[in-house]
């Protein structure tokens, strides 16, 4: 399997908010989609320590997130008020939206989510909010 530079840039971006422990982003898989030329499916595991947060950001393409462990508080500009998602629940981030809140809902327990992107091949997957 071949990883592209933008995928590593996603992994290397500082994904943190001021005064909060940073999230750790680990690549899981990145594959071109034969049935959608020019598109790539990329999955990353985002692990939040207790009290961990990510700064407001946006993504190339669309994102499905699945909470693997703990509880994640999330708010997206296109989907309404902040909500807490527990392990086994998922949420969607439409293309062009801003992820306003992304944080561990617990100050004492870790949490993690699997983020699955469908975006143009070579796109920078995560960018700071404007």
Protein backbone atom coordinates (compact mmCIF):
# COMPACT_ATOMS: atom_id res chain seq x y z
CA UNK A 1 0.00 0.00 0.00
CA UNK A 2 1.28 3.48 -0.86
CA UNK A 3 0.63 6.46 1.44
CA UNK A 4 0.58 9.92 -0.08
CA UNK A 5 2.12 13.05 1.37
CA UNK A 6 -1.24 14.73 2.15
CA UNK A 7 -2.23 11.69 4.22
CA UNK A 8 0.89 12.14 6.32
CA UNK A 9 0.24 15.86 6.54
CA UNK A 10 -3.13 15.04 8.09
CA UNK A 11 -1.38 12.85 10.63
CA UNK A 12 1.27 15.48 11.37
CA UNK A 13 -1.06 18.45 11.78
CA UNK A 14 -1.32 19.75 15.31
CA UNK A 15 -4.86 18.72 16.22
CA UNK A 16 -5.28 20.56 19.50
CA UNK A 17 -7.07 23.42 21.19
CA UNK A 18 -5.47 25.91 23.55
CA UNK A 19 -5.14 24.67 27.15
CA UNK A 20 -6.30 21.13 26.30
CA UNK A 21 -4.37 17.90 25.76
CA UNK A 22 -4.06 17.21 22.00
CA UNK A 23 -5.75 14.41 20.11
CA UNK A 24 -3.45 11.80 18.59
CA UNK A 25 -4.23 10.87 14.96
CA UNK A 26 -3.00 7.53 13.57
CA UNK A 27 -3.43 6.40 9.95
CA UNK A 28 -5.42 3.20 9.45
CA UNK A 29 -5.88 2.86 5.67
CA UNK A 30 -5.92 4.89 2.46
CA UNK A 31 -7.19 3.38 -0.80
CA UNK A 32 -8.19 4.76 -4.19
CA UNK A 33 -11.85 4.08 -5.02
CA UNK A 34 -12.10 2.24 -8.33
CA UNK A 35 -15.83 2.97 -8.56
CA UNK A 36 -15.25 6.72 -7.99
CA UNK A 37 -12.27 7.79 -10.11
CA UNK A 38 -10.17 10.52 -8.50
CA UNK A 39 -11.57 9.80 -5.02
CA UNK A 40 -9.84 8.14 -2.08
CA UNK A 41 -11.17 6.52 1.07
CA UNK A 42 -8.97 7.29 4.07
CA UNK A 43 -9.50 6.16 7.67
CA UNK A 44 -7.72 7.46 10.78
CA UNK A 45 -8.04 6.65 14.47
CA UNK A 46 -8.36 9.81 16.57
CA UNK A 47 -7.56 9.24 20.26
CA UNK A 48 -8.44 11.89 22.84
CA UNK A 49 -6.88 11.80 26.30
CA UNK A 50 -9.12 12.81 29.21
CA UNK A 51 -10.15 16.43 28.59
CA UNK A 52 -8.63 16.31 25.09
CA UNK A 53 -9.91 18.59 22.33
CA UNK A 54 -9.29 19.48 18.70
CA UNK A 55 -9.37 23.06 17.47
CA UNK A 56 -12.17 24.02 15.07
CA UNK A 57 -11.36 22.64 11.63
CA UNK A 58 -12.78 21.54 8.29
CA UNK A 59 -12.17 18.62 5.99
CA UNK A 60 -11.85 17.94 2.29
CA UNK A 61 -14.71 15.72 1.14
CA UNK A 62 -17.21 14.01 3.43
CA UNK A 63 -16.46 12.34 6.76
CA UNK A 64 -18.20 9.59 8.71
CA UNK A 65 -17.06 9.24 12.33
CA UNK A 66 -17.64 6.16 14.51
CA UNK A 67 -16.99 6.38 18.26
CA UNK A 68 -14.82 3.41 19.20
CA UNK A 69 -14.48 4.09 22.93
CA UNK A 70 -15.62 6.61 25.51
CA UNK A 71 -17.80 9.60 24.69
CA UNK A 72 -17.12 12.31 22.12
CA UNK A 73 -18.78 15.75 22.09
CA UNK A 74 -19.15 17.03 18.53
CA UNK A 75 -20.72 19.99 16.79
CA UNK A 76 -20.73 20.61 13.05
CA UNK A 77 -21.83 23.81 11.30
CA UNK A 78 -24.21 21.85 9.06
CA UNK A 79 -25.78 19.49 11.59
CA UNK A 80 -26.86 21.60 14.58
CA UNK A 81 -26.08 21.87 18.27
CA UNK A 82 -23.31 19.98 20.05
CA UNK A 83 -24.15 16.38 20.95
CA UNK A 84 -22.38 13.69 22.95
CA UNK A 85 -21.87 10.42 21.07
CA UNK A 86 -21.10 7.20 22.97
CA UNK A 87 -19.10 4.17 21.84
CA UNK A 88 -21.00 2.44 19.03
CA UNK A 89 -22.59 5.66 17.69
CA UNK A 90 -21.61 7.60 14.60
CA UNK A 91 -22.07 10.96 12.94
CA UNK A 92 -21.60 12.54 9.52
CA UNK A 93 -19.76 15.71 8.48
CA UNK A 94 -20.89 16.97 5.06
CA UNK A 95 -18.39 18.41 2.60
CA UNK A 96 -17.86 22.15 3.09
CA UNK A 97 -18.92 22.17 6.75
CA UNK A 98 -16.85 23.21 9.77
CA UNK A 99 -16.26 20.91 12.74
CA UNK A 100 -16.78 23.48 15.50
CA UNK A 101 -16.45 21.18 18.55
CA UNK A 102 -14.55 17.90 18.69
CA UNK A 103 -13.59 16.79 22.18
CA UNK A 104 -13.56 14.06 24.76
CA UNK A 105 -16.73 14.49 26.84
CA UNK A 106 -14.89 13.11 29.91
CA UNK A 107 -12.20 14.74 32.02
CA UNK A 108 -11.22 11.36 33.50
CA UNK A 109 -11.54 8.68 30.76
CA UNK A 110 -9.94 8.50 27.28
CA UNK A 111 -12.07 8.37 24.11
CA UNK A 112 -11.43 7.51 20.47
CA UNK A 113 -13.15 7.62 17.11
CA UNK A 114 -12.56 6.21 13.66
CA UNK A 115 -12.86 8.96 11.01
CA UNK A 116 -13.50 7.78 7.45
CA UNK A 117 -12.97 10.35 4.68
CA UNK A 118 -14.07 10.20 1.05
CA UNK A 119 -12.18 13.01 -0.65
CA UNK A 120 -10.31 13.82 -3.86
CA UNK A 121 -7.03 11.92 -4.17
CA UNK A 122 -4.17 14.16 -3.01
CA UNK A 123 -6.42 16.54 -1.03
CA UNK A 124 -5.29 17.92 2.32
CA UNK A 125 -7.80 16.19 4.56
CA UNK A 126 -7.83 18.50 7.60
CA UNK A 127 -7.43 22.28 7.65
CA UNK A 128 -7.93 24.91 10.37
CA UNK A 129 -11.36 26.58 10.37
CA UNK A 130 -11.50 29.90 8.56
